[in-house]
Amino acid sequence: MNTARLVKGDGQTFFLDGDVALATVPSLLAQSRELWAGDGDQVIDMSRVRRIDSSSLALMLEWARAARAGGGSVRFRSVPGQVLAVARLCGVETLLPVDSAGGP
């Protein structure tokens, strides 16, 4: 499994790149704290994700919670359909700020 990472894009956009799985979530969470420290409004673009599992949902919910706690926000773009399906199944879809214009 490849390492996942957050890559700074333009402005407040970050690209989630690589394989997002239970083994890579702790590293991604640490990277997010270093990159934006919850300041401002962020966009996480998931178009570069190669493989993903349900642990990504917990990561996304934590990012949304941390952003709100820091007085900012986070929006997700190009979220894989299987992640949205799991969010719907678990009843947490409304807790995820997803850009429908940027998604598949």
N, C-alpha and C. Protein backbone atom coordinates (compact mmCIF):
# COMPACT_ATOMS: atom_id res chain seq x y z
N MET A 1 0.84 -1.18 0.00
CA MET A 1 0.00 0.00 0.00
C MET A 1 0.88 1.24 0.00
N ASN A 2 0.55 2.19 -0.83
CA ASN A 2 1.29 3.44 -0.91
C ASN A 2 0.91 4.37 0.23
N THR A 3 1.81 5.26 0.55
CA THR A 3 1.55 6.25 1.57
C THR A 3 0.62 7.32 1.01
N ALA A 4 -0.31 7.74 1.81
CA ALA A 4 -1.19 8.84 1.43
C ALA A 4 -0.59 10.13 1.96
N ARG A 5 -0.87 11.21 1.25
CA ARG A 5 -0.36 12.50 1.71
C ARG A 5 -1.29 13.61 1.27
N LEU A 6 -1.17 14.72 1.96
CA LEU A 6 -1.88 15.93 1.57
C LEU A 6 -0.89 16.81 0.82
N VAL A 7 -1.31 17.28 -0.33
CA VAL A 7 -0.46 18.13 -1.16
C VAL A 7 -1.12 19.50 -1.27
N LYS A 8 -0.39 20.54 -0.94
CA LYS A 8 -0.93 21.90 -1.01
C LYS A 8 -1.14 22.30 -2.45
N GLY A 9 -2.33 22.76 -2.75
CA GLY A 9 -2.65 23.28 -4.08
C GLY A 9 -2.69 24.79 -4.03
N ASP A 10 -3.53 25.39 -4.86
CA ASP A 10 -3.70 26.84 -4.87
C ASP A 10 -4.55 27.28 -3.70
N GLY A 11 -4.21 28.41 -3.11
CA GLY A 11 -5.02 28.97 -2.04
C GLY A 11 -5.15 28.02 -0.87
N GLN A 12 -6.37 27.72 -0.51
CA GLN A 12 -6.65 26.86 0.63
C GLN A 12 -7.07 25.46 0.20
N THR A 13 -6.67 25.06 -1.00
CA THR A 13 -7.01 23.73 -1.51
C THR A 13 -5.86 22.77 -1.25
N PHE A 14 -6.23 21.57 -0.77
CA PHE A 14 -5.28 20.50 -0.56
C PHE A 14 -5.77 19.28 -1.32
N PHE A 15 -4.84 18.57 -1.94
CA PHE A 15 -5.17 17.34 -2.66
C PHE A 15 -4.82 16.16 -1.77
N LEU A 16 -5.77 15.26 -1.61
CA LEU A 16 -5.53 14.02 -0.92
C LEU A 16 -5.02 13.04 -1.97
N ASP A 17 -3.79 12.57 -1.79
CA ASP A 17 -3.10 11.80 -2.82
C ASP A 17 -2.66 10.45 -2.26
N GLY A 18 -2.97 9.38 -2.98
CA GLY A 18 -2.50 8.05 -2.58
C GLY A 18 -3.62 7.14 -2.13
N ASP A 19 -3.25 6.19 -1.27
CA ASP A 19 -4.18 5.20 -0.74
C ASP A 19 -4.63 5.62 0.65
N VAL A 20 -5.93 5.79 0.83
CA VAL A 20 -6.46 6.18 2.12
C VAL A 20 -7.06 4.93 2.77
N ALA A 21 -6.42 4.49 3.83
CA ALA A 21 -6.83 3.27 4.52
C ALA A 21 -6.52 3.43 6.01
N LEU A 22 -6.96 2.47 6.78
CA LEU A 22 -6.76 2.53 8.22
C LEU A 22 -5.29 2.79 8.57
N ALA A 23 -4.38 2.22 7.83
CA ALA A 23 -2.95 2.38 8.12
C ALA A 23 -2.42 3.78 7.80
N THR A 24 -3.07 4.51 6.90
CA THR A 24 -2.57 5.83 6.50
C THR A 24 -3.31 6.99 7.15
N VAL A 25 -4.45 6.72 7.79
CA VAL A 25 -5.25 7.79 8.40
C VAL A 25 -4.48 8.55 9.48
N PRO A 26 -3.77 7.91 10.41
CA PRO A 26 -3.05 8.68 11.44
C PRO A 26 -2.04 9.67 10.83
N SER A 27 -1.34 9.25 9.81
CA SER A 27 -0.38 10.14 9.15
C SER A 27 -1.08 11.32 8.48
N LEU A 28 -2.21 11.05 7.82
CA LEU A 28 -2.96 12.13 7.18
C LEU A 28 -3.48 13.13 8.20
N LEU A 29 -3.94 12.64 9.33
CA LEU A 29 -4.42 13.53 10.37
C LEU A 29 -3.29 14.41 10.89
N ALA A 30 -2.12 13.82 11.10
CA ALA A 30 -0.95 14.60 11.55
C ALA A 30 -0.54 15.63 10.50
N GLN A 31 -0.55 15.23 9.22
CA GLN A 31 -0.20 16.16 8.16
C GLN A 31 -1.16 17.34 8.12
N SER A 32 -2.44 17.08 8.31
CA SER A 32 -3.42 18.16 8.25
C SER A 32 -3.19 19.16 9.38
N ARG A 33 -2.83 18.67 10.54
CA ARG A 33 -2.55 19.58 11.66
C ARG A 33 -1.36 20.47 11.36
N GLU A 34 -0.35 19.92 10.71
CA GLU A 34 0.84 20.70 10.36
C GLU A 34 0.56 21.67 9.22
N LEU A 35 -0.24 21.26 8.25
CA LEU A 35 -0.46 22.10 7.07
C LEU A 35 -1.39 23.27 7.31
N TRP A 36 -2.50 23.03 8.00
CA TRP A 36 -3.42 24.15 8.14
C TRP A 36 -3.83 24.48 9.56
N ALA A 37 -3.53 23.64 10.49
CA ALA A 37 -3.79 23.92 11.90
C ALA A 37 -5.21 24.43 12.16
N GLY A 38 -6.17 24.03 11.33
CA GLY A 38 -7.56 24.40 11.54
C GLY A 38 -7.90 25.83 11.21
N ASP A 39 -6.96 26.57 10.65
CA ASP A 39 -7.20 27.98 10.34
C ASP A 39 -7.93 28.14 9.02
N GLY A 40 -8.95 28.97 9.02
CA GLY A 40 -9.62 29.35 7.79
C GLY A 40 -10.49 28.27 7.18
N ASP A 41 -10.80 28.48 5.93
CA ASP A 41 -11.67 27.59 5.18
C ASP A 41 -10.83 26.79 4.20
N GLN A 42 -10.94 25.47 4.27
CA GLN A 42 -10.12 24.57 3.47
C GLN A 42 -10.98 23.79 2.49
N VAL A 43 -10.36 23.37 1.40
CA VAL A 43 -10.99 22.46 0.44
C VAL A 43 -10.07 21.25 0.33
N ILE A 44 -10.64 20.06 0.48
CA ILE A 44 -9.89 18.82 0.29
C ILE A 44 -10.39 18.19 -1.00
N ASP A 45 -9.52 18.13 -1.99
CA ASP A 45 -9.85 17.53 -3.28
C ASP A 45 -9.38 16.08 -3.25
N MET A 46 -10.31 15.16 -3.49
CA MET A 46 -10.01 13.73 -3.40
C MET A 46 -9.83 13.08 -4.76
N SER A 47 -9.64 13.87 -5.80
CA SER A 47 -9.53 13.32 -7.16
C SER A 47 -8.25 12.51 -7.38
N ARG A 48 -7.26 12.65 -6.52
CA ARG A 48 -6.00 11.91 -6.67
C ARG A 48 -5.93 10.64 -5.83
N VAL A 49 -7.02 10.32 -5.14
CA VAL A 49 -7.04 9.10 -4.31
C VAL A 49 -7.06 7.89 -5.23
N ARG A 50 -6.15 6.95 -4.97
CA ARG A 50 -6.09 5.73 -5.78
C ARG A 50 -6.96 4.62 -5.20
N ARG A 51 -6.81 4.39 -3.91
CA ARG A 51 -7.62 3.38 -3.22
C ARG A 51 -8.12 4.00 -1.93
N ILE A 52 -9.30 3.55 -1.49
CA ILE A 52 -9.88 4.17 -0.30
C ILE A 52 -10.72 3.12 0.42
N ASP A 53 -10.78 3.23 1.74
CA ASP A 53 -11.66 2.34 2.49
C ASP A 53 -12.52 3.18 3.44
N SER A 54 -13.32 2.51 4.23
CA SER A 54 -14.29 3.21 5.07
C SER A 54 -13.64 4.06 6.17
N SER A 55 -12.37 3.82 6.48
CA SER A 55 -11.71 4.64 7.49
C SER A 55 -11.60 6.10 7.03
N SER A 56 -11.68 6.33 5.73
CA SER A 56 -11.65 7.70 5.21
C SER A 56 -12.83 8.51 5.73
N LEU A 57 -13.94 7.86 5.95
CA LEU A 57 -15.12 8.55 6.46
C LEU A 57 -14.84 9.13 7.85
N ALA A 58 -14.21 8.36 8.71
CA ALA A 58 -13.85 8.85 10.04
C ALA A 58 -12.89 10.03 9.93
N LEU A 59 -11.94 9.95 9.02
CA LEU A 59 -10.99 11.04 8.81
C LEU A 59 -11.70 12.31 8.35
N MET A 60 -12.60 12.17 7.39
CA MET A 60 -13.34 13.33 6.89
C MET A 60 -14.19 13.96 7.98
N LEU A 61 -14.84 13.14 8.78
CA LEU A 61 -15.65 13.67 9.88
C LEU A 61 -14.77 14.39 10.91
N GLU A 62 -13.59 13.86 11.18
CA GLU A 62 -12.67 14.51 12.11
C GLU A 62 -12.19 15.84 11.54
N TRP A 63 -11.87 15.88 10.25
CA TRP A 63 -11.46 17.15 9.63
C TRP A 63 -12.58 18.19 9.72
N ALA A 64 -13.81 17.78 9.46
CA ALA A 64 -14.94 18.71 9.55
C ALA A 64 -15.11 19.22 10.98
N ARG A 65 -15.01 18.31 11.96
CA ARG A 65 -15.13 18.70 13.37
C ARG A 65 -14.01 19.66 13.78
N ALA A 66 -12.78 19.33 13.41
CA ALA A 66 -11.63 20.16 13.79
C ALA A 66 -11.72 21.54 13.14
N ALA A 67 -12.17 21.60 11.91
CA ALA A 67 -12.30 22.89 11.23
C ALA A 67 -13.33 23.77 11.96
N ARG A 68 -14.48 23.18 12.30
CA ARG A 68 -15.51 23.94 13.03
C ARG A 68 -14.97 24.41 14.38
N ALA A 69 -14.27 23.52 15.08
CA ALA A 69 -13.73 23.87 16.39
C ALA A 69 -12.72 25.00 16.31
N GLY A 70 -12.02 25.09 15.18
CA GLY A 70 -11.03 26.14 14.97
C GLY A 70 -11.60 27.40 14.37
N GLY A 71 -12.93 27.44 14.19
CA GLY A 71 -13.55 28.63 13.62
C GLY A 71 -13.54 28.68 12.11
N GLY A 72 -13.15 27.59 11.47
CA GLY A 72 -13.09 27.56 10.01
C GLY A 72 -14.07 26.54 9.46
N SER A 73 -13.79 26.10 8.25
CA SER A 73 -14.61 25.09 7.62
C SER A 73 -13.75 24.27 6.67
N VAL A 74 -14.28 23.14 6.28
CA VAL A 74 -13.64 22.32 5.26
C VAL A 74 -14.73 21.81 4.34
N ARG A 75 -14.42 21.77 3.05
CA ARG A 75 -15.33 21.22 2.05
C ARG A 75 -14.56 20.13 1.31
N PHE A 76 -15.28 19.10 0.89
CA PHE A 76 -14.67 17.98 0.19
C PHE A 76 -15.12 18.00 -1.26
N ARG A 77 -14.16 17.79 -2.15
CA ARG A 77 -14.43 17.80 -3.58
C ARG A 77 -13.99 16.46 -4.18
N SER A 78 -14.72 15.99 -5.17
CA SER A 78 -14.41 14.74 -5.88
C SER A 78 -14.35 13.54 -4.93
N VAL A 79 -15.33 13.46 -4.05
CA VAL A 79 -15.40 12.37 -3.08
C VAL A 79 -15.82 11.09 -3.81
N PRO A 80 -15.06 10.00 -3.63
CA PRO A 80 -15.44 8.73 -4.27
C PRO A 80 -16.85 8.30 -3.87
N GLY A 81 -17.57 7.77 -4.83
CA GLY A 81 -18.95 7.35 -4.61
C GLY A 81 -19.12 6.35 -3.49
N GLN A 82 -18.16 5.44 -3.32
CA GLN A 82 -18.30 4.44 -2.26
C GLN A 82 -18.23 5.08 -0.88
N VAL A 83 -17.49 6.16 -0.74
CA VAL A 83 -17.42 6.86 0.55
C VAL A 83 -18.76 7.53 0.84
N LEU A 84 -19.34 8.16 -0.18
CA LEU A 84 -20.65 8.79 0.00
C LEU A 84 -21.72 7.75 0.31
N ALA A 85 -21.62 6.58 -0.30
CA ALA A 85 -22.59 5.51 -0.04
C ALA A 85 -22.50 5.04 1.41
N VAL A 86 -21.28 4.89 1.93
CA VAL A 86 -21.12 4.47 3.33
C VAL A 86 -21.63 5.58 4.26
N ALA A 87 -21.37 6.83 3.92
CA ALA A 87 -21.86 7.94 4.74
C ALA A 87 -23.39 7.94 4.80
N ARG A 88 -24.03 7.68 3.65
CA ARG A 88 -25.50 7.60 3.61
C ARG A 88 -25.98 6.44 4.47
N LEU A 89 -25.34 5.30 4.32
CA LEU A 89 -25.72 4.10 5.07
C LEU A 89 -25.61 4.32 6.59
N CYS A 90 -24.58 5.07 7.00
CA CYS A 90 -24.35 5.33 8.42
C CYS A 90 -25.15 6.52 8.94
N GLY A 91 -25.82 7.24 8.04
CA GLY A 91 -26.62 8.39 8.45
C GLY A 91 -25.81 9.63 8.78
N VAL A 92 -24.59 9.74 8.23
CA VAL A 92 -23.75 10.91 8.52
C VAL A 92 -23.49 11.78 7.29
N GLU A 93 -24.18 11.50 6.21
CA GLU A 93 -23.95 12.24 4.97
C GLU A 93 -24.12 13.75 5.17
N THR A 94 -25.09 14.15 5.97
CA THR A 94 -25.34 15.58 6.16
C THR A 94 -24.24 16.26 6.99
N LEU A 95 -23.40 15.48 7.64
CA LEU A 95 -22.30 16.05 8.42
C LEU A 95 -21.07 16.34 7.56
N LEU A 96 -21.09 15.86 6.32
CA LEU A 96 -19.96 16.05 5.42
C LEU A 96 -20.27 17.15 4.41
N PRO A 97 -19.53 18.24 4.47
CA PRO A 97 -19.72 19.31 3.50
C PRO A 97 -19.05 18.94 2.18
N VAL A 98 -19.85 18.45 1.24
CA VAL A 98 -19.34 17.95 -0.04
C VAL A 98 -19.73 18.94 -1.14
N ASP A 99 -18.75 19.29 -1.96
CA ASP A 99 -18.99 20.12 -3.14
C ASP A 99 -19.54 19.22 -4.22
N SER A 100 -20.81 19.32 -4.49
CA SER A 100 -21.40 18.46 -5.54
C SER A 100 -20.89 18.84 -6.91
N ALA A 101 -20.52 20.10 -7.12
CA ALA A 101 -20.03 20.53 -8.43
C ALA A 101 -18.68 19.90 -8.76
N GLY A 102 -17.88 19.60 -7.71
CA GLY A 102 -16.56 19.05 -7.97
C GLY A 102 -16.51 17.54 -7.90
N GLY A 103 -17.60 16.91 -7.54
CA GLY A 103 -17.60 15.45 -7.37
C GLY A 103 -17.96 14.73 -8.62
N PRO A 104 -17.77 13.40 -8.62
CA PRO A 104 -18.11 12.62 -9.80
C PRO A 104 -19.61 12.47 -9.94
